[in-house]
Amino acid sequence: MGIKTFFKKAFGDMKQSARAQHEVDRANFAAAKAESKAQWEEAKAMGNPETAKKIMQEQRDAQIAEANDRIAAAQKRIDATKNK
């Protein structure tokens, strides 16, 4: 393999790598942009008292469900320990 072929292959590889990295960067930028818009919409919605109450209630319901799952898991561990 000659020097010319080596450099041609090396620069071709770099070009492909740069294109792939550009695609990754564009996808990450689009994701950050979408997340930013979502945060803005959430903040805007929190200005409405009814929406804020609804969102906060959903968060509390999710926390209660998580706590109930933890209680159930702990109870299974307790029962398993007592049965041994």
N, C-alpha and C. Protein backbone atom coordinates (compact mmCIF):
# COMPACT_ATOMS: atom_id res chain seq x y z
N MET A 1 0.85 -1.16 0.00
CA MET A 1 0.00 0.00 0.00
C MET A 1 0.90 1.23 0.00
N GLY A 2 0.61 2.10 -0.94
CA GLY A 2 1.44 3.30 -1.05
C GLY A 2 0.96 4.41 -0.13
N ILE A 3 1.78 5.42 -0.06
CA ILE A 3 1.46 6.58 0.79
C ILE A 3 0.17 7.24 0.31
N LYS A 4 0.03 7.35 -1.00
CA LYS A 4 -1.16 8.01 -1.55
C LYS A 4 -2.42 7.24 -1.16
N THR A 5 -2.39 5.95 -1.27
CA THR A 5 -3.53 5.11 -0.91
C THR A 5 -3.82 5.20 0.59
N PHE A 6 -2.74 5.21 1.38
CA PHE A 6 -2.89 5.31 2.82
C PHE A 6 -3.61 6.59 3.21
N PHE A 7 -3.15 7.72 2.68
CA PHE A 7 -3.77 8.99 3.03
C PHE A 7 -5.18 9.10 2.48
N LYS A 8 -5.41 8.54 1.30
CA LYS A 8 -6.75 8.57 0.73
C LYS A 8 -7.72 7.80 1.63
N LYS A 9 -7.29 6.64 2.11
CA LYS A 9 -8.12 5.85 3.00
C LYS A 9 -8.30 6.55 4.35
N ALA A 10 -7.23 7.13 4.88
CA ALA A 10 -7.28 7.81 6.17
C ALA A 10 -8.24 9.00 6.11
N PHE A 11 -8.13 9.80 5.05
CA PHE A 11 -9.02 10.96 4.94
C PHE A 11 -10.46 10.54 4.67
N GLY A 12 -10.64 9.45 3.98
CA GLY A 12 -11.98 8.93 3.76
C GLY A 12 -12.62 8.48 5.07
N ASP A 13 -11.81 7.81 5.91
CA ASP A 13 -12.29 7.39 7.23
C ASP A 13 -12.65 8.59 8.10
N MET A 14 -11.79 9.61 8.05
CA MET A 14 -12.07 10.82 8.84
C MET A 14 -13.35 11.50 8.36
N LYS A 15 -13.57 11.50 7.06
CA LYS A 15 -14.77 12.12 6.50
C LYS A 15 -16.02 11.38 6.97
N GLN A 16 -15.97 10.04 6.94
CA GLN A 16 -17.11 9.25 7.42
C GLN A 16 -17.35 9.48 8.91
N SER A 17 -16.28 9.52 9.67
CA SER A 17 -16.39 9.75 11.11
C SER A 17 -16.99 11.13 11.38
N ALA A 18 -16.57 12.14 10.65
CA ALA A 18 -17.10 13.49 10.83
C ALA A 18 -18.59 13.53 10.49
N ARG A 19 -18.98 12.85 9.44
CA ARG A 19 -20.41 12.81 9.07
C ARG A 19 -21.23 12.12 10.16
N ALA A 20 -20.73 11.01 10.67
CA ALA A 20 -21.45 10.29 11.71
C ALA A 20 -21.56 11.14 12.98
N GLN A 21 -20.48 11.82 13.34
CA GLN A 21 -20.50 12.68 14.52
C GLN A 21 -21.46 13.85 14.32
N HIS A 22 -21.52 14.36 13.10
CA HIS A 22 -22.46 15.45 12.79
C HIS A 22 -23.90 14.99 12.98
N GLU A 23 -24.21 13.76 12.58
CA GLU A 23 -25.55 13.23 12.78
C GLU A 23 -25.87 13.11 14.26
N VAL A 24 -24.89 12.65 15.04
CA VAL A 24 -25.08 12.54 16.49
C VAL A 24 -25.31 13.92 17.09
N ASP A 25 -24.52 14.90 16.67
CA ASP A 25 -24.67 16.25 17.19
C ASP A 25 -26.03 16.84 16.84
N ARG A 26 -26.49 16.60 15.61
CA ARG A 26 -27.80 17.11 15.22
C ARG A 26 -28.91 16.46 16.04
N ALA A 27 -28.81 15.16 16.28
CA ALA A 27 -29.82 14.47 17.08
C ALA A 27 -29.82 14.98 18.51
N ASN A 28 -28.63 15.18 19.09
CA ASN A 28 -28.54 15.70 20.46
C ASN A 28 -29.09 17.12 20.55
N PHE A 29 -28.82 17.94 19.53
CA PHE A 29 -29.33 19.31 19.52
C PHE A 29 -30.85 19.30 19.43
N ALA A 30 -31.40 18.44 18.58
CA ALA A 30 -32.86 18.35 18.45
C ALA A 30 -33.49 17.89 19.76
N ALA A 31 -32.85 16.95 20.45
CA ALA A 31 -33.36 16.47 21.73
C ALA A 31 -33.32 17.58 22.77
N ALA A 32 -32.22 18.32 22.83
CA ALA A 32 -32.11 19.42 23.79
C ALA A 32 -33.15 20.50 23.49
N LYS A 33 -33.37 20.76 22.23
CA LYS A 33 -34.37 21.76 21.82
C LYS A 33 -35.77 21.31 22.25
N ALA A 34 -36.09 20.04 22.04
CA ALA A 34 -37.40 19.52 22.41
C ALA A 34 -37.58 19.54 23.93
N GLU A 35 -36.54 19.18 24.67
CA GLU A 35 -36.61 19.21 26.13
C GLU A 35 -36.81 20.63 26.63
N SER A 36 -36.13 21.58 26.01
CA SER A 36 -36.26 22.98 26.39
C SER A 36 -37.69 23.47 26.15
N LYS A 37 -38.24 23.09 25.02
CA LYS A 37 -39.62 23.49 24.70
C LYS A 37 -40.59 22.86 25.70
N ALA A 38 -40.36 21.60 26.05
CA ALA A 38 -41.23 20.92 27.02
C ALA A 38 -41.17 21.63 28.37
N GLN A 39 -39.97 22.01 28.80
CA GLN A 39 -39.83 22.72 30.07
C GLN A 39 -40.56 24.06 30.01
N TRP A 40 -40.45 24.75 28.88
CA TRP A 40 -41.12 26.03 28.72
C TRP A 40 -42.64 25.85 28.79
N GLU A 41 -43.15 24.84 28.10
CA GLU A 41 -44.59 24.60 28.11
C GLU A 41 -45.08 24.22 29.51
N GLU A 42 -44.28 23.44 30.23
CA GLU A 42 -44.64 23.07 31.60
C GLU A 42 -44.66 24.31 32.50
N ALA A 43 -43.65 25.16 32.35
CA ALA A 43 -43.60 26.38 33.16
C ALA A 43 -44.78 27.29 32.84
N LYS A 44 -45.10 27.37 31.56
CA LYS A 44 -46.23 28.21 31.13
C LYS A 44 -47.54 27.65 31.68
N ALA A 45 -47.67 26.33 31.68
CA ALA A 45 -48.89 25.69 32.18
C ALA A 45 -49.02 25.88 33.69
N MET A 46 -47.91 25.96 34.39
CA MET A 46 -47.96 26.13 35.84
C MET A 46 -48.53 27.50 36.22
N GLY A 47 -48.59 28.43 35.27
CA GLY A 47 -49.18 29.73 35.53
C GLY A 47 -50.69 29.64 35.71
N ASN A 48 -51.30 28.60 35.17
CA ASN A 48 -52.73 28.38 35.32
C ASN A 48 -52.95 27.56 36.59
N PRO A 49 -53.68 28.09 37.57
CA PRO A 49 -53.84 27.37 38.84
C PRO A 49 -54.46 25.99 38.70
N GLU A 50 -55.43 25.84 37.83
CA GLU A 50 -56.07 24.52 37.66
C GLU A 50 -55.08 23.50 37.11
N THR A 51 -54.30 23.91 36.14
CA THR A 51 -53.30 23.01 35.56
C THR A 51 -52.23 22.66 36.60
N ALA A 52 -51.82 23.65 37.36
CA ALA A 52 -50.81 23.41 38.40
C ALA A 52 -51.32 22.40 39.41
N LYS A 53 -52.57 22.55 39.85
CA LYS A 53 -53.15 21.61 40.80
C LYS A 53 -53.20 20.21 40.22
N LYS A 54 -53.59 20.11 38.95
CA LYS A 54 -53.69 18.80 38.29
C LYS A 54 -52.32 18.12 38.22
N ILE A 55 -51.31 18.87 37.83
CA ILE A 55 -49.96 18.31 37.71
C ILE A 55 -49.44 17.88 39.07
N MET A 56 -49.66 18.72 40.08
CA MET A 56 -49.19 18.38 41.42
C MET A 56 -49.91 17.14 41.96
N GLN A 57 -51.20 17.02 41.68
CA GLN A 57 -51.95 15.84 42.13
C GLN A 57 -51.43 14.58 41.44
N GLU A 58 -51.12 14.68 40.14
CA GLU A 58 -50.56 13.53 39.41
C GLU A 58 -49.23 13.11 40.02
N GLN A 59 -48.41 14.08 40.39
CA GLN A 59 -47.12 13.77 41.00
C GLN A 59 -47.32 13.09 42.36
N ARG A 60 -48.27 13.59 43.15
CA ARG A 60 -48.54 12.97 44.45
C ARG A 60 -49.07 11.55 44.27
N ASP A 61 -49.96 11.36 43.29
CA ASP A 61 -50.48 10.01 43.03
C ASP A 61 -49.37 9.05 42.64
N ALA A 62 -48.43 9.52 41.82
CA ALA A 62 -47.30 8.68 41.42
C ALA A 62 -46.44 8.33 42.63
N GLN A 63 -46.21 9.29 43.52
CA GLN A 63 -45.41 9.03 44.71
C GLN A 63 -46.11 8.04 45.64
N ILE A 64 -47.43 8.15 45.75
CA ILE A 64 -48.19 7.21 46.58
C ILE A 64 -48.10 5.80 46.01
N ALA A 65 -48.23 5.70 44.69
CA ALA A 65 -48.15 4.38 44.04
C ALA A 65 -46.76 3.77 44.25
N GLU A 66 -45.72 4.59 44.14
CA GLU A 66 -44.36 4.10 44.36
C GLU A 66 -44.18 3.63 45.80
N ALA A 67 -44.71 4.39 46.75
CA ALA A 67 -44.61 4.02 48.16
C ALA A 67 -45.35 2.71 48.42
N ASN A 68 -46.51 2.55 47.82
CA ASN A 68 -47.27 1.30 47.98
C ASN A 68 -46.50 0.11 47.42
N ASP A 69 -45.83 0.31 46.29
CA ASP A 69 -45.01 -0.76 45.72
C ASP A 69 -43.86 -1.13 46.67
N ARG A 70 -43.24 -0.12 47.26
CA ARG A 70 -42.15 -0.38 48.21
C ARG A 70 -42.68 -1.12 49.43
N ILE A 71 -43.87 -0.75 49.90
CA ILE A 71 -44.46 -1.43 51.05
C ILE A 71 -44.72 -2.90 50.72
N ALA A 72 -45.26 -3.15 49.53
CA ALA A 72 -45.56 -4.52 49.12
C ALA A 72 -44.27 -5.35 49.02
N ALA A 73 -43.22 -4.75 48.46
CA ALA A 73 -41.94 -5.46 48.35
C ALA A 73 -41.37 -5.77 49.73
N ALA A 74 -41.47 -4.80 50.64
CA ALA A 74 -40.97 -5.02 52.00
C ALA A 74 -41.77 -6.11 52.69
N GLN A 75 -43.07 -6.13 52.48
CA GLN A 75 -43.91 -7.15 53.10
C GLN A 75 -43.55 -8.55 52.58
N LYS A 76 -43.25 -8.64 51.29
CA LYS A 76 -42.82 -9.93 50.73
C LYS A 76 -41.53 -10.39 51.37
N ARG A 77 -40.61 -9.46 51.59
CA ARG A 77 -39.35 -9.82 52.23
C ARG A 77 -39.58 -10.27 53.66
N ILE A 78 -40.48 -9.59 54.35
CA ILE A 78 -40.80 -9.96 55.73
C ILE A 78 -41.41 -11.37 55.76
N ASP A 79 -42.36 -11.61 54.88
CA ASP A 79 -43.01 -12.93 54.83
C ASP A 79 -42.02 -14.02 54.48
N ALA A 80 -41.12 -13.74 53.55
CA ALA A 80 -40.11 -14.72 53.16
C ALA A 80 -39.18 -15.03 54.33
N THR A 81 -38.85 -14.04 55.11
CA THR A 81 -37.97 -14.24 56.25
C THR A 81 -38.66 -15.05 57.35
N LYS A 82 -39.92 -14.77 57.59
CA LYS A 82 -40.66 -15.48 58.62
C LYS A 82 -40.89 -16.94 58.26
N ASN A 83 -41.02 -17.25 56.97
CA ASN A 83 -41.32 -18.62 56.53
C ASN A 83 -40.08 -19.50 56.50
N LYS A 84 -38.91 -18.96 56.68
CA LYS A 84 -37.70 -19.78 56.61
C LYS A 84 -37.44 -20.51 57.87
